[in-house]
Amino acid sequence: MKAAEDVVRVLRSPGSAAASPDDLAYLHAILLNGQVIGHWKHALQGREVVVEAFFYRPLDKARTRAMDAAVQRLGDYFGVAGTWR
């Protein structure tokens, strides 16, 4: 994946050990009211996009529904089903 390799090169500092695209885990922030409450990454797996999310605190029911809706929109963007864990 060329784009991931380019991002790794940007994130590495001169003289650091070689990085791989797996080092980009959870690069995307999850914001709530302007505060970072977690991070996420995604992978296309067959006919679905799977989002793996890491939250700094448990989600309540309303935030879980909001996450469900956001993942659905991401799936719509890719033209596949969206799921998260």
PDB file of N, CA and C in Angstrom:
ATOM      1  N   MET A   1       0.843  -1.165   0.000  1.00  0.00           N
ATOM      2  CA  MET A   1       0.000   0.000   0.000  1.00  0.00           C
ATOM      3  C   MET A   1       0.892   1.233   0.000  1.00  0.00           C
ATOM      4  N   LYS A   2       0.974   1.895  -1.073  1.00  0.00           N
ATOM      5  CA  LYS A   2       1.889   3.012  -1.260  1.00  0.00           C
ATOM      6  C   LYS A   2       1.612   4.158  -0.297  1.00  0.00           C
ATOM      7  N   ALA A   3       0.360   4.535  -0.115  1.00  0.00           N
ATOM      8  CA  ALA A   3       0.046   5.666   0.759  1.00  0.00           C
ATOM      9  C   ALA A   3       0.507   5.416   2.188  1.00  0.00           C
ATOM     10  N   ALA A   4       0.306   4.223   2.703  1.00  0.00           N
ATOM     11  CA  ALA A   4       0.742   3.901   4.062  1.00  0.00           C
ATOM     12  C   ALA A   4       2.252   3.988   4.172  1.00  0.00           C
ATOM     13  N   GLU A   5       2.965   3.545   3.157  1.00  0.00           N
ATOM     14  CA  GLU A   5       4.425   3.633   3.173  1.00  0.00           C
ATOM     15  C   GLU A   5       4.867   5.089   3.222  1.00  0.00           C
ATOM     16  N   ASP A   6       4.194   5.966   2.489  1.00  0.00           N
ATOM     17  CA  ASP A   6       4.535   7.384   2.503  1.00  0.00           C
ATOM     18  C   ASP A   6       4.316   7.983   3.883  1.00  0.00           C
ATOM     19  N   VAL A   7       3.213   7.617   4.546  1.00  0.00           N
ATOM     20  CA  VAL A   7       2.936   8.141   5.873  1.00  0.00           C
ATOM     21  C   VAL A   7       3.976   7.649   6.860  1.00  0.00           C
ATOM     22  N   VAL A   8       4.378   6.386   6.765  1.00  0.00           N
ATOM     23  CA  VAL A   8       5.402   5.845   7.653  1.00  0.00           C
ATOM     24  C   VAL A   8       6.680   6.640   7.496  1.00  0.00           C
ATOM     25  N   ARG A   9       7.064   6.948   6.259  1.00  0.00           N
ATOM     26  CA  ARG A   9       8.280   7.729   6.035  1.00  0.00           C
ATOM     27  C   ARG A   9       8.183   9.098   6.693  1.00  0.00           C
ATOM     28  N   VAL A  10       7.022   9.708   6.650  1.00  0.00           N
ATOM     29  CA  VAL A  10       6.850  11.020   7.259  1.00  0.00           C
ATOM     30  C   VAL A  10       6.936  10.923   8.781  1.00  0.00           C
ATOM     31  N   LEU A  11       6.383   9.866   9.372  1.00  0.00           N
ATOM     32  CA  LEU A  11       6.353   9.723  10.816  1.00  0.00           C
ATOM     33  C   LEU A  11       7.697   9.327  11.415  1.00  0.00           C
ATOM     34  N   ARG A  12       8.534   8.688  10.622  1.00  0.00           N
ATOM     35  CA  ARG A  12       9.823   8.240  11.133  1.00  0.00           C
ATOM     36  C   ARG A  12      10.757   9.426  11.290  1.00  0.00           C
ATOM     37  N   SER A  13      11.541   9.402  12.338  1.00  0.00           N
ATOM     38  CA  SER A  13      12.577  10.419  12.492  1.00  0.00           C
ATOM     39  C   SER A  13      13.874   9.861  11.930  1.00  0.00           C
ATOM     40  N   PRO A  14      14.796  10.733  11.463  1.00  0.00           N
ATOM     41  CA  PRO A  14      16.062  10.239  10.915  1.00  0.00           C
ATOM     42  C   PRO A  14      16.803   9.376  11.933  1.00  0.00           C
ATOM     43  N   GLY A  15      17.299   8.242  11.467  1.00  0.00           N
ATOM     44  CA  GLY A  15      18.054   7.337  12.319  1.00  0.00           C
ATOM     45  C   GLY A  15      17.201   6.390  13.138  1.00  0.00           C
ATOM     46  N   SER A  16      15.879   6.453  13.033  1.00  0.00           N
ATOM     47  CA  SER A  16      15.029   5.550  13.803  1.00  0.00           C
ATOM     48  C   SER A  16      14.973   4.189  13.119  1.00  0.00           C
ATOM     49  N   ALA A  17      14.521   3.194  13.867  1.00  0.00           N
ATOM     50  CA  ALA A  17      14.387   1.850  13.310  1.00  0.00           C
ATOM     51  C   ALA A  17      13.326   1.857  12.217  1.00  0.00           C
ATOM     52  N   ALA A  18      13.411   0.911  11.306  1.00  0.00           N
ATOM     53  CA  ALA A  18      12.442   0.825  10.204  1.00  0.00           C
ATOM     54  C   ALA A  18      11.044   0.597  10.765  1.00  0.00           C
ATOM     55  N   ALA A  19      10.082   1.286  10.201  1.00  0.00           N
ATOM     56  CA  ALA A  19       8.683   1.137  10.596  1.00  0.00           C
ATOM     57  C   ALA A  19       7.936   0.408   9.495  1.00  0.00           C
ATOM     58  N   SER A  20       6.831  -0.202   9.854  1.00  0.00           N
ATOM     59  CA  SER A  20       5.994  -0.885   8.879  1.00  0.00           C
ATOM     60  C   SER A  20       4.607  -0.246   8.890  1.00  0.00           C
ATOM     61  N   PRO A  21       3.784  -0.520   7.866  1.00  0.00           N
ATOM     62  CA  PRO A  21       2.413   0.016   7.891  1.00  0.00           C
ATOM     63  C   PRO A  21       1.621  -0.406   9.123  1.00  0.00           C
ATOM     64  N   ASP A  22       1.978  -1.536   9.742  1.00  0.00           N
ATOM     65  CA  ASP A  22       1.287  -1.957  10.967  1.00  0.00           C
ATOM     66  C   ASP A  22       1.535  -0.981  12.110  1.00  0.00           C
ATOM     67  N   ASP A  23       2.618  -0.205  12.027  1.00  0.00           N
ATOM     68  CA  ASP A  23       2.914   0.771  13.062  1.00  0.00           C
ATOM     69  C   ASP A  23       1.926   1.931  13.051  1.00  0.00           C
ATOM     70  N   LEU A  24       1.086   2.008  12.034  1.00  0.00           N
ATOM     71  CA  LEU A  24       0.116   3.087  11.923  1.00  0.00           C
ATOM     72  C   LEU A  24      -1.182   2.769  12.643  1.00  0.00           C
ATOM     73  N   ALA A  25      -1.181   1.741  13.457  1.00  0.00           N
ATOM     74  CA  ALA A  25      -2.398   1.333  14.147  1.00  0.00           C
ATOM     75  C   ALA A  25      -3.016   2.503  14.901  1.00  0.00           C
ATOM     76  N   TYR A  26      -4.310   2.630  14.789  1.00  0.00           N
ATOM     77  CA  TYR A  26      -5.072   3.613  15.542  1.00  0.00           C
ATOM     78  C   TYR A  26      -4.593   5.050  15.310  1.00  0.00           C
ATOM     79  N   LEU A  27      -4.247   5.358  14.075  1.00  0.00           N
ATOM     80  CA  LEU A  27      -3.750   6.688  13.738  1.00  0.00           C
ATOM     81  C   LEU A  27      -4.856   7.742  13.747  1.00  0.00           C
ATOM     82  N   HIS A  28      -6.097   7.356  13.477  1.00  0.00           N
ATOM     83  CA  HIS A  28      -7.206   8.305  13.379  1.00  0.00           C
ATOM     84  C   HIS A  28      -7.809   8.575  14.758  1.00  0.00           C
ATOM     85  N   ALA A  29      -8.061   9.843  15.056  1.00  0.00           N
ATOM     86  CA  ALA A  29      -8.634  10.225  16.347  1.00  0.00           C
ATOM     87  C   ALA A  29     -10.156  10.131  16.319  1.00  0.00           C
ATOM     88  N   ILE A  30     -10.741   9.818  17.465  1.00  0.00           N
ATOM     89  CA  ILE A  30     -12.190   9.867  17.668  1.00  0.00           C
ATOM     90  C   ILE A  30     -12.434  11.057  18.584  1.00  0.00           C
ATOM     91  N   LEU A  31     -13.202  12.026  18.073  1.00  0.00           N
ATOM     92  CA  LEU A  31     -13.460  13.254  18.827  1.00  0.00           C
ATOM     93  C   LEU A  31     -14.883  13.294  19.346  1.00  0.00           C
ATOM     94  N   LEU A  32     -15.048  13.872  20.524  1.00  0.00           N
ATOM     95  CA  LEU A  32     -16.363  14.136  21.097  1.00  0.00           C
ATOM     96  C   LEU A  32     -16.301  15.519  21.719  1.00  0.00           C
ATOM     97  N   ASN A  33     -17.100  16.438  21.197  1.00  0.00           N
ATOM     98  CA  ASN A  33     -17.105  17.814  21.704  1.00  0.00           C
ATOM     99  C   ASN A  33     -15.696  18.412  21.725  1.00  0.00           C
ATOM    100  N   GLY A  34     -14.920  18.117  20.691  1.00  0.00           N
ATOM    101  CA  GLY A  34     -13.583  18.683  20.568  1.00  0.00           C
ATOM    102  C   GLY A  34     -12.504  17.996  21.381  1.00  0.00           C
ATOM    103  N   GLN A  35     -12.841  16.927  22.086  1.00  0.00           N
ATOM    104  CA  GLN A  35     -11.856  16.193  22.880  1.00  0.00           C
ATOM    105  C   GLN A  35     -11.619  14.820  22.282  1.00  0.00           C
ATOM    106  N   VAL A  36     -10.369  14.386  22.287  1.00  0.00           N
ATOM    107  CA  VAL A  36     -10.032  13.052  21.791  1.00  0.00           C
ATOM    108  C   VAL A  36     -10.452  12.038  22.843  1.00  0.00           C
ATOM    109  N   ILE A  37     -11.345  11.111  22.438  1.00  0.00           N
ATOM    110  CA  ILE A  37     -11.803  10.077  23.375  1.00  0.00           C
ATOM    111  C   ILE A  37     -11.319   8.690  22.970  1.00  0.00           C
ATOM    112  N   GLY A  38     -10.606   8.602  21.834  1.00  0.00           N
ATOM    113  CA  GLY A  38     -10.090   7.322  21.377  1.00  0.00           C
ATOM    114  C   GLY A  38      -9.431   7.452  20.024  1.00  0.00           C
ATOM    115  N   HIS A  39      -9.026   6.323  19.489  1.00  0.00           N
ATOM    116  CA  HIS A  39      -8.407   6.252  18.171  1.00  0.00           C
ATOM    117  C   HIS A  39      -8.941   5.030  17.432  1.00  0.00           C
ATOM    118  N   TRP A  40      -8.819   5.036  16.091  1.00  0.00           N
ATOM    119  CA  TRP A  40      -9.344   3.923  15.310  1.00  0.00           C
ATOM    120  C   TRP A  40      -8.492   3.683  14.084  1.00  0.00           C
ATOM    121  N   LYS A  41      -8.654   2.475  13.541  1.00  0.00           N
ATOM    122  CA  LYS A  41      -8.079   2.097  12.255  1.00  0.00           C
ATOM    123  C   LYS A  41      -9.109   1.230  11.552  1.00  0.00           C
ATOM    124  N   HIS A  42      -8.957   1.060  10.251  1.00  0.00           N
ATOM    125  CA  HIS A  42      -9.909   0.231   9.509  1.00  0.00           C
ATOM    126  C   HIS A  42      -9.178  -0.698   8.557  1.00  0.00           C
ATOM    127  N   ALA A  43      -9.888  -1.735   8.146  1.00  0.00           N
ATOM    128  CA  ALA A  43      -9.380  -2.675   7.146  1.00  0.00           C
ATOM    129  C   ALA A  43     -10.554  -3.154   6.302  1.00  0.00           C
ATOM    130  N   LEU A  44     -10.353  -3.220   5.003  1.00  0.00           N
ATOM    131  CA  LEU A  44     -11.356  -3.807   4.117  1.00  0.00           C
ATOM    132  C   LEU A  44     -11.162  -5.312   4.146  1.00  0.00           C
ATOM    133  N   GLN A  45     -12.216  -6.024   4.524  1.00  0.00           N
ATOM    134  CA  GLN A  45     -12.161  -7.481   4.618  1.00  0.00           C
ATOM    135  C   GLN A  45     -13.337  -8.040   3.833  1.00  0.00           C
ATOM    136  N   GLY A  46     -13.041  -8.492   2.631  1.00  0.00           N
ATOM    137  CA  GLY A  46     -14.103  -9.017   1.778  1.00  0.00           C
ATOM    138  C   GLY A  46     -15.072  -7.922   1.403  1.00  0.00           C
ATOM    139  N   ARG A  47     -16.332  -8.123   1.764  1.00  0.00           N
ATOM    140  CA  ARG A  47     -17.376  -7.146   1.430  1.00  0.00           C
ATOM    141  C   ARG A  47     -17.774  -6.290   2.627  1.00  0.00           C
ATOM    142  N   GLU A  48     -16.825  -6.032   3.508  1.00  0.00           N
ATOM    143  CA  GLU A  48     -17.107  -5.148   4.630  1.00  0.00           C
ATOM    144  C   GLU A  48     -15.851  -4.386   5.035  1.00  0.00           C
ATOM    145  N   VAL A  49     -16.062  -3.256   5.679  1.00  0.00           N
ATOM    146  CA  VAL A  49     -14.965  -2.517   6.283  1.00  0.00           C
ATOM    147  C   VAL A  49     -15.091  -2.728   7.785  1.00  0.00           C
ATOM    148  N   VAL A  50     -14.001  -3.171   8.391  1.00  0.00           N
ATOM    149  CA  VAL A  50     -13.983  -3.449   9.823  1.00  0.00           C
ATOM    150  C   VAL A  50     -13.168  -2.362  10.514  1.00  0.00           C
ATOM    151  N   VAL A  51     -13.787  -1.699  11.463  1.00  0.00           N
ATOM    152  CA  VAL A  51     -13.132  -0.644  12.232  1.00  0.00           C
ATOM    153  C   VAL A  51     -12.751  -1.216  13.589  1.00  0.00           C
ATOM    154  N   GLU A  52     -11.493  -1.087  13.935  1.00  0.00           N
ATOM    155  CA  GLU A  52     -11.036  -1.433  15.273  1.00  0.00           C
ATOM    156  C   GLU A  52     -10.847  -0.125  16.007  1.00  0.00           C
ATOM    157  N   ALA A  53     -11.496   0.014  17.153  1.00  0.00           N
ATOM    158  CA  ALA A  53     -11.452   1.255  17.914  1.00  0.00           C
ATOM    159  C   ALA A  53     -10.889   1.007  19.306  1.00  0.00           C
ATOM    160  N   PHE A  54     -10.130   1.984  19.771  1.00  0.00           N
ATOM    161  CA  PHE A  54      -9.583   1.972  21.126  1.00  0.00           C
ATOM    162  C   PHE A  54     -10.094   3.233  21.809  1.00  0.00           C
ATOM    163  N   PHE A  55     -10.854   3.073  22.886  1.00  0.00           N
ATOM    164  CA  PHE A  55     -11.419   4.208  23.603  1.00  0.00           C
ATOM    165  C   PHE A  55     -10.724   4.365  24.953  1.00  0.00           C
ATOM    166  N   TYR A  56     -10.586   5.608  25.392  1.00  0.00           N
ATOM    167  CA  TYR A  56      -9.939   5.886  26.669  1.00  0.00           C
ATOM    168  C   TYR A  56     -10.864   5.649  27.847  1.00  0.00           C
ATOM    169  N   ARG A  57     -12.164   5.554  27.565  1.00  0.00           N
ATOM    170  CA  ARG A  57     -13.151   5.213  28.603  1.00  0.00           C
ATOM    171  C   ARG A  57     -14.314   4.505  27.904  1.00  0.00           C
ATOM    172  N   PRO A  58     -15.082   3.722  28.647  1.00  0.00           N
ATOM    173  CA  PRO A  58     -16.213   3.007  28.026  1.00  0.00           C
ATOM    174  C   PRO A  58     -17.224   3.975  27.426  1.00  0.00           C
ATOM    175  N   LEU A  59     -17.874   3.538  26.368  1.00  0.00           N
ATOM    176  CA  LEU A  59     -18.911   4.341  25.725  1.00  0.00           C
ATOM    177  C   LEU A  59     -20.259   4.093  26.392  1.00  0.00           C
ATOM    178  N   ASP A  60     -21.035   5.143  26.536  1.00  0.00           N
ATOM    179  CA  ASP A  60     -22.407   4.953  27.003  1.00  0.00           C
ATOM    180  C   ASP A  60     -23.267   4.584  25.795  1.00  0.00           C
ATOM    181  N   LYS A  61     -24.562   4.364  26.019  1.00  0.00           N
ATOM    182  CA  LYS A  61     -25.439   3.903  24.934  1.00  0.00           C
ATOM    183  C   LYS A  61     -25.532   4.914  23.798  1.00  0.00           C
ATOM    184  N   ALA A  62     -25.631   6.187  24.117  1.00  0.00           N
ATOM    185  CA  ALA A  62     -25.743   7.215  23.072  1.00  0.00           C
ATOM    186  C   ALA A  62     -24.475   7.270  22.225  1.00  0.00           C
ATOM    187  N   ARG A  63     -23.320   7.180  22.859  1.00  0.00           N
ATOM    188  CA  ARG A  63     -22.057   7.214  22.118  1.00  0.00           C
ATOM    189  C   ARG A  63     -21.851   5.936  21.305  1.00  0.00           C
ATOM    190  N   THR A  64     -22.350   4.816  21.826  1.00  0.00           N
ATOM    191  CA  THR A  64     -22.275   3.570  21.066  1.00  0.00           C
ATOM    192  C   THR A  64     -23.121   3.677  19.796  1.00  0.00           C
ATOM    193  N   ARG A  65     -24.313   4.252  19.914  1.00  0.00           N
ATOM    194  CA  ARG A  65     -25.161   4.465  18.730  1.00  0.00           C
ATOM    195  C   ARG A  65     -24.493   5.424  17.747  1.00  0.00           C
ATOM    196  N   ALA A  66     -23.841   6.454  18.254  1.00  0.00           N
ATOM    197  CA  ALA A  66     -23.140   7.398  17.382  1.00  0.00           C
ATOM    198  C   ALA A  66     -21.997   6.702  16.652  1.00  0.00           C
ATOM    199  N   MET A  67     -21.294   5.811  17.337  1.00  0.00           N
ATOM    200  CA  MET A  67     -20.209   5.057  16.710  1.00  0.00           C
ATOM    201  C   MET A  67     -20.780   4.121  15.651  1.00  0.00           C
ATOM    202  N   ASP A  68     -21.893   3.459  15.957  1.00  0.00           N
ATOM    203  CA  ASP A  68     -22.559   2.598  14.969  1.00  0.00           C
ATOM    204  C   ASP A  68     -22.869   3.386  13.697  1.00  0.00           C
ATOM    205  N   ALA A  69     -23.424   4.583  13.871  1.00  0.00           N
ATOM    206  CA  ALA A  69     -23.800   5.410  12.717  1.00  0.00           C
ATOM    207  C   ALA A  69     -22.570   5.851  11.931  1.00  0.00           C
ATOM    208  N   ALA A  70     -21.505   6.222  12.629  1.00  0.00           N
ATOM    209  CA  ALA A  70     -20.283   6.660  11.946  1.00  0.00           C
ATOM    210  C   ALA A  70     -19.667   5.524  11.137  1.00  0.00           C
ATOM    211  N   VAL A  71     -19.663   4.325  11.696  1.00  0.00           N
ATOM    212  CA  VAL A  71     -19.103   3.169  10.982  1.00  0.00           C
ATOM    213  C   VAL A  71     -19.974   2.824   9.779  1.00  0.00           C
ATOM    214  N   GLN A  72     -21.274   2.968   9.920  1.00  0.00           N
ATOM    215  CA  GLN A  72     -22.166   2.740   8.784  1.00  0.00           C
ATOM    216  C   GLN A  72     -21.861   3.726   7.661  1.00  0.00           C
ATOM    217  N   ARG A  73     -21.639   4.994   8.011  1.00  0.00           N
ATOM    218  CA  ARG A  73     -21.302   5.996   6.991  1.00  0.00           C
ATOM    219  C   ARG A  73     -19.980   5.654   6.305  1.00  0.00           C
ATOM    220  N   LEU A  74     -19.011   5.146   7.069  1.00  0.00           N
ATOM    221  CA  LEU A  74     -17.738   4.736   6.467  1.00  0.00           C
ATOM    222  C   LEU A  74     -17.970   3.572   5.505  1.00  0.00           C
ATOM    223  N   GLY A  75     -18.795   2.618   5.909  1.00  0.00           N
ATOM    224  CA  GLY A  75     -19.136   1.513   5.021  1.00  0.00           C
ATOM    225  C   GLY A  75     -19.817   2.002   3.759  1.00  0.00           C
ATOM    226  N   ASP A  76     -20.736   2.959   3.902  1.00  0.00           N
ATOM    227  CA  ASP A  76     -21.404   3.538   2.737  1.00  0.00           C
ATOM    228  C   ASP A  76     -20.391   4.187   1.800  1.00  0.00           C
ATOM    229  N   TYR A  77     -19.420   4.861   2.369  1.00  0.00           N
ATOM    230  CA  TYR A  77     -18.377   5.514   1.567  1.00  0.00           C
ATOM    231  C   TYR A  77     -17.632   4.488   0.706  1.00  0.00           C
ATOM    232  N   PHE A  78     -17.310   3.341   1.310  1.00  0.00           N
ATOM    233  CA  PHE A  78     -16.601   2.291   0.582  1.00  0.00           C
ATOM    234  C   PHE A  78     -17.535   1.399  -0.228  1.00  0.00           C
ATOM    235  N   GLY A  79     -18.839   1.565  -0.060  1.00  0.00           N
ATOM    236  CA  GLY A  79     -19.802   0.738  -0.777  1.00  0.00           C
ATOM    237  C   GLY A  79     -19.916  -0.680  -0.240  1.00  0.00           C
ATOM    238  N   VAL A  80     -19.633  -0.843   1.053  1.00  0.00           N
ATOM    239  CA  VAL A  80     -19.702  -2.156   1.707  1.00  0.00           C
ATOM    240  C   VAL A  80     -20.352  -1.981   3.072  1.00  0.00           C
ATOM    241  N   ALA A  81     -20.606  -3.082   3.759  1.00  0.00           N
ATOM    242  CA  ALA A  81     -21.120  -3.024   5.124  1.00  0.00           C
ATOM    243  C   ALA A  81     -20.008  -2.535   6.056  1.00  0.00           C
ATOM    244  N   GLY A  82     -20.390  -1.870   7.125  1.00  0.00           N
ATOM    245  CA  GLY A  82     -19.423  -1.421   8.114  1.00  0.00           C
ATOM    246  C   GLY A  82     -19.686  -2.058   9.464  1.00  0.00           C
ATOM    247  N   THR A  83     -18.648  -2.583  10.089  1.00  0.00           N
ATOM    248  CA  THR A  83     -18.753  -3.146  11.440  1.00  0.00           C
ATOM    249  C   THR A  83     -17.603  -2.603  12.278  1.00  0.00           C
ATOM    250  N   TRP A  84     -17.752  -2.664  13.583  1.00  0.00           N
ATOM    251  CA  TRP A  84     -16.660  -2.231  14.452  1.00  0.00           C
ATOM    252  C   TRP A  84     -16.541  -3.108  15.679  1.00  0.00           C
ATOM    253  N   ARG A  85     -15.357  -3.045  16.241  1.00  0.00           N
ATOM    254  CA  ARG A  85     -15.102  -3.789  17.483  1.00  0.00           C
ATOM    255  C   ARG A  85     -14.119  -3.029  18.329  1.00  0.00           C
TER     256      ARG A  85
END
